[in-house]
């Protein structure tokens, strides 16, 4: 993986941190990784899917009393997180999932 740290300061460059909408328009959708909705779904679950723990998402509360943070993407860490995630459903999860009724077999009573 390319080192995105400034060799003098040891900090990330300004281009390595992007707002959610900018990241979506310039990186996510053009690369064919998914739609804006799939990225937003990942952001909604950022605490359980490891994005925050991995340092791929930065939450910034702007102003006092704000309930929702602005989300920023640490681009190199996001791609590293993406490379380490297993998106295929686990066999055990498929077996444990409740069976859904076939809609065509439902009849009005």
Foldseek 3Di string as FASTA:
>chain_A
DDDQADPVPRHHDPVQKAFLVCCQVPPCVVVPVDHSVVVVVCVVCCVPLVCVVLVQKDFACPDPPDPGTGIMGRNVSVVVSVVPDDPDDDPVVVVPDDDDDDPVPDDDD
